[in-house]
Amino acid sequence: MAVDSVNTANSASRPVQQPSENRVATDAKKSAEQAAQTQKVAEQRQAEQAQRDQQTQQAQQSEPPKPVVNTQGQVTGQLLNEIA
């Protein structure tokens, strides 16, 4: 009986390893998903940057020209944002 209990203890279940093909396929799938997610984030950041650039450009275009003021605070009649 003592031998039977030792054999039972030695035959503890071991974790089943996935075959290497399944592991490779799983790793490839995870890599592809991660790459797709990274690309999506990059595109989103690029879109946000383009939107900020457009808003900045619109703000600059809609800003009225500023008059030039001399050292006494008098307006000289020239405009800073004058287009040549």
N, C-alpha and C. Protein backbone atom coordinates (compact mmCIF):
# COMPACT_ATOMS: atom_id res chain seq x y z
N MET A 1 0.81 -1.21 0.00
CA MET A 1 0.00 0.00 0.00
C MET A 1 0.85 1.26 0.00
N ALA A 2 1.94 1.21 0.67
CA ALA A 2 2.81 2.37 0.69
C ALA A 2 3.34 2.69 -0.70
N VAL A 3 3.60 1.66 -1.49
CA VAL A 3 4.10 1.86 -2.84
C VAL A 3 3.03 2.52 -3.70
N ASP A 4 1.79 2.13 -3.56
CA ASP A 4 0.70 2.72 -4.33
C ASP A 4 0.56 4.21 -4.03
N SER A 5 0.66 4.61 -2.78
CA SER A 5 0.50 6.02 -2.44
C SER A 5 1.67 6.84 -3.00
N VAL A 6 2.88 6.27 -3.06
CA VAL A 6 4.02 6.98 -3.62
C VAL A 6 3.83 7.15 -5.12
N ASN A 7 3.37 6.11 -5.79
CA ASN A 7 3.13 6.21 -7.23
C ASN A 7 2.05 7.24 -7.55
N THR A 8 1.04 7.30 -6.73
CA THR A 8 -0.03 8.26 -6.95
C THR A 8 0.51 9.69 -6.77
N ALA A 9 1.36 9.89 -5.80
CA ALA A 9 1.91 11.21 -5.56
C ALA A 9 2.86 11.61 -6.69
N ASN A 10 3.61 10.69 -7.25
CA ASN A 10 4.54 11.01 -8.32
C ASN A 10 3.84 11.28 -9.64
N SER A 11 2.66 10.79 -9.80
CA SER A 11 1.96 10.98 -11.07
C SER A 11 1.05 12.21 -11.02
N ALA A 12 1.53 13.27 -10.41
CA ALA A 12 0.75 14.51 -10.35
C ALA A 12 0.58 15.05 -11.77
N SER A 13 -0.54 15.66 -12.00
CA SER A 13 -0.82 16.15 -13.36
C SER A 13 0.11 17.31 -13.69
N ARG A 14 0.66 17.29 -14.88
CA ARG A 14 1.53 18.34 -15.36
C ARG A 14 0.74 19.19 -16.36
N PRO A 15 1.05 20.48 -16.41
CA PRO A 15 0.32 21.31 -17.37
C PRO A 15 0.60 20.85 -18.80
N VAL A 16 -0.44 20.86 -19.59
CA VAL A 16 -0.32 20.44 -20.98
C VAL A 16 0.25 21.60 -21.79
N GLN A 17 1.32 21.36 -22.52
CA GLN A 17 1.92 22.40 -23.33
C GLN A 17 1.27 22.40 -24.71
N GLN A 18 1.10 23.60 -25.23
CA GLN A 18 0.54 23.72 -26.57
C GLN A 18 1.61 23.30 -27.57
N PRO A 19 1.19 22.69 -28.62
CA PRO A 19 2.16 22.41 -29.68
C PRO A 19 2.74 23.72 -30.20
N SER A 20 3.95 23.65 -30.70
CA SER A 20 4.64 24.87 -31.11
C SER A 20 3.90 25.59 -32.25
N GLU A 21 3.21 24.88 -33.12
CA GLU A 21 2.47 25.52 -34.21
C GLU A 21 1.35 26.40 -33.67
N ASN A 22 0.63 25.90 -32.66
CA ASN A 22 -0.45 26.69 -32.08
C ASN A 22 0.11 27.92 -31.38
N ARG A 23 1.22 27.75 -30.71
CA ARG A 23 1.83 28.86 -30.00
C ARG A 23 2.30 29.93 -30.99
N VAL A 24 2.89 29.51 -32.08
CA VAL A 24 3.35 30.45 -33.10
C VAL A 24 2.16 31.20 -33.70
N ALA A 25 1.09 30.48 -33.99
CA ALA A 25 -0.11 31.11 -34.55
C ALA A 25 -0.71 32.10 -33.56
N THR A 26 -0.74 31.74 -32.29
CA THR A 26 -1.28 32.63 -31.26
C THR A 26 -0.41 33.87 -31.13
N ASP A 27 0.90 33.69 -31.13
CA ASP A 27 1.82 34.82 -31.04
C ASP A 27 1.68 35.74 -32.25
N ALA A 28 1.54 35.16 -33.42
CA ALA A 28 1.38 35.96 -34.64
C ALA A 28 0.07 36.76 -34.59
N LYS A 29 -0.97 36.12 -34.09
CA LYS A 29 -2.26 36.81 -33.99
C LYS A 29 -2.17 37.98 -33.01
N LYS A 30 -1.51 37.73 -31.87
CA LYS A 30 -1.35 38.80 -30.88
C LYS A 30 -0.52 39.94 -31.45
N SER A 31 0.53 39.61 -32.17
CA SER A 31 1.38 40.64 -32.78
C SER A 31 0.59 41.45 -33.81
N ALA A 32 -0.21 40.78 -34.60
CA ALA A 32 -1.01 41.48 -35.61
C ALA A 32 -2.04 42.41 -34.94
N GLU A 33 -2.66 41.94 -33.86
CA GLU A 33 -3.63 42.77 -33.15
C GLU A 33 -2.95 43.98 -32.53
N GLN A 34 -1.77 43.76 -31.96
CA GLN A 34 -1.04 44.86 -31.35
C GLN A 34 -0.61 45.88 -32.41
N ALA A 35 -0.16 45.39 -33.56
CA ALA A 35 0.24 46.29 -34.64
C ALA A 35 -0.95 47.10 -35.14
N ALA A 36 -2.10 46.46 -35.26
CA ALA A 36 -3.30 47.16 -35.72
C ALA A 36 -3.71 48.22 -34.70
N GLN A 37 -3.62 47.88 -33.43
CA GLN A 37 -3.98 48.85 -32.39
C GLN A 37 -3.00 50.03 -32.39
N THR A 38 -1.71 49.74 -32.54
CA THR A 38 -0.71 50.80 -32.59
C THR A 38 -0.95 51.72 -33.78
N GLN A 39 -1.28 51.14 -34.92
CA GLN A 39 -1.55 51.94 -36.11
C GLN A 39 -2.80 52.81 -35.90
N LYS A 40 -3.80 52.24 -35.27
CA LYS A 40 -5.03 52.98 -35.02
C LYS A 40 -4.76 54.18 -34.11
N VAL A 41 -3.95 53.98 -33.08
CA VAL A 41 -3.61 55.07 -32.17
C VAL A 41 -2.81 56.14 -32.90
N ALA A 42 -1.87 55.72 -33.74
CA ALA A 42 -1.06 56.67 -34.50
C ALA A 42 -1.94 57.49 -35.45
N GLU A 43 -2.89 56.86 -36.10
CA GLU A 43 -3.79 57.57 -37.01
C GLU A 43 -4.67 58.56 -36.23
N GLN A 44 -5.10 58.15 -35.05
CA GLN A 44 -5.93 59.03 -34.22
C GLN A 44 -5.12 60.25 -33.78
N ARG A 45 -3.88 60.04 -33.38
CA ARG A 45 -3.03 61.16 -32.98
C ARG A 45 -2.79 62.10 -34.16
N GLN A 46 -2.57 61.52 -35.33
CA GLN A 46 -2.33 62.33 -36.52
C GLN A 46 -3.57 63.15 -36.86
N ALA A 47 -4.74 62.57 -36.73
CA ALA A 47 -5.98 63.29 -37.01
C ALA A 47 -6.18 64.43 -36.01
N GLU A 48 -5.87 64.16 -34.74
CA GLU A 48 -6.00 65.21 -33.72
C GLU A 48 -5.02 66.35 -34.00
N GLN A 49 -3.80 66.02 -34.39
CA GLN A 49 -2.81 67.05 -34.70
C GLN A 49 -3.25 67.87 -35.90
N ALA A 50 -3.79 67.23 -36.91
CA ALA A 50 -4.26 67.94 -38.10
C ALA A 50 -5.41 68.88 -37.72
N GLN A 51 -6.28 68.43 -36.83
CA GLN A 51 -7.40 69.26 -36.39
C GLN A 51 -6.88 70.48 -35.62
N ARG A 52 -5.89 70.27 -34.74
CA ARG A 52 -5.32 71.39 -34.00
C ARG A 52 -4.64 72.39 -34.94
N ASP A 53 -3.91 71.86 -35.93
CA ASP A 53 -3.25 72.73 -36.90
C ASP A 53 -4.27 73.56 -37.67
N GLN A 54 -5.37 72.93 -38.06
CA GLN A 54 -6.41 73.63 -38.82
C GLN A 54 -7.05 74.72 -37.95
N GLN A 55 -7.30 74.40 -36.68
CA GLN A 55 -7.89 75.40 -35.79
C GLN A 55 -6.94 76.58 -35.59
N THR A 56 -5.66 76.30 -35.46
CA THR A 56 -4.66 77.35 -35.30
C THR A 56 -4.61 78.23 -36.54
N GLN A 57 -4.63 77.59 -37.70
CA GLN A 57 -4.58 78.34 -38.96
C GLN A 57 -5.83 79.22 -39.11
N GLN A 58 -6.98 78.69 -38.75
CA GLN A 58 -8.21 79.47 -38.85
C GLN A 58 -8.19 80.64 -37.88
N ALA A 59 -7.64 80.42 -36.68
CA ALA A 59 -7.57 81.49 -35.70
C ALA A 59 -6.64 82.60 -36.18
N GLN A 60 -5.56 82.23 -36.83
CA GLN A 60 -4.63 83.23 -37.35
C GLN A 60 -5.23 84.01 -38.51
N GLN A 61 -6.01 83.33 -39.35
CA GLN A 61 -6.61 84.00 -40.49
C GLN A 61 -7.73 84.94 -40.07
N SER A 62 -8.46 84.61 -39.04
CA SER A 62 -9.59 85.42 -38.62
C SER A 62 -9.18 86.57 -37.70
N GLU A 63 -7.92 86.59 -37.27
CA GLU A 63 -7.45 87.66 -36.39
C GLU A 63 -7.34 88.96 -37.18
N PRO A 64 -7.93 90.02 -36.67
CA PRO A 64 -7.86 91.30 -37.40
C PRO A 64 -6.45 91.87 -37.33
N PRO A 65 -6.07 92.66 -38.32
CA PRO A 65 -4.73 93.26 -38.30
C PRO A 65 -4.57 94.19 -37.10
N LYS A 66 -3.36 94.18 -36.53
CA LYS A 66 -3.10 95.02 -35.37
C LYS A 66 -2.42 96.31 -35.83
N PRO A 67 -2.88 97.42 -35.32
CA PRO A 67 -2.24 98.69 -35.70
C PRO A 67 -0.88 98.84 -35.02
N VAL A 68 0.03 99.54 -35.68
CA VAL A 68 1.35 99.80 -35.12
C VAL A 68 1.24 101.03 -34.23
N VAL A 69 1.82 100.89 -33.04
CA VAL A 69 1.77 102.00 -32.09
C VAL A 69 3.19 102.47 -31.84
N ASN A 70 3.40 103.79 -31.85
CA ASN A 70 4.74 104.31 -31.59
C ASN A 70 5.01 104.36 -30.09
N THR A 71 6.16 104.89 -29.70
CA THR A 71 6.56 104.88 -28.28
C THR A 71 5.67 105.74 -27.41
N GLN A 72 4.96 106.69 -27.98
CA GLN A 72 4.04 107.52 -27.20
C GLN A 72 2.64 106.90 -27.13
N GLY A 73 2.46 105.73 -27.77
CA GLY A 73 1.16 105.07 -27.74
C GLY A 73 0.23 105.54 -28.83
N GLN A 74 0.74 106.29 -29.78
CA GLN A 74 -0.09 106.80 -30.86
C GLN A 74 -0.07 105.80 -32.03
N VAL A 75 -1.24 105.60 -32.62
CA VAL A 75 -1.36 104.72 -33.78
C VAL A 75 -0.78 105.43 -34.99
N THR A 76 0.12 104.75 -35.70
CA THR A 76 0.80 105.38 -36.84
C THR A 76 0.05 105.17 -38.14
N GLY A 77 -0.91 104.29 -38.18
CA GLY A 77 -1.66 104.06 -39.41
C GLY A 77 -1.15 102.86 -40.19
N GLN A 78 -0.03 102.29 -39.81
CA GLN A 78 0.47 101.10 -40.49
C GLN A 78 -0.11 99.85 -39.79
N LEU A 79 -0.16 98.76 -40.53
CA LEU A 79 -0.70 97.52 -39.98
C LEU A 79 0.39 96.46 -39.94
N LEU A 80 0.42 95.73 -38.83
CA LEU A 80 1.42 94.68 -38.67
C LEU A 80 1.15 93.48 -39.56
N ASN A 81 -0.10 93.11 -39.71
CA ASN A 81 -0.45 91.91 -40.46
C ASN A 81 -0.73 92.22 -41.91
N GLU A 82 -0.15 93.26 -42.39
CA GLU A 82 -0.36 93.68 -43.76
C GLU A 82 0.24 92.66 -44.73
N ILE A 83 -0.51 92.28 -45.75
CA ILE A 83 -0.03 91.31 -46.74
C ILE A 83 0.64 92.08 -47.85
N ALA A 84 1.88 91.70 -48.16
CA ALA A 84 2.65 92.42 -49.18
C ALA A 84 2.19 92.04 -50.56
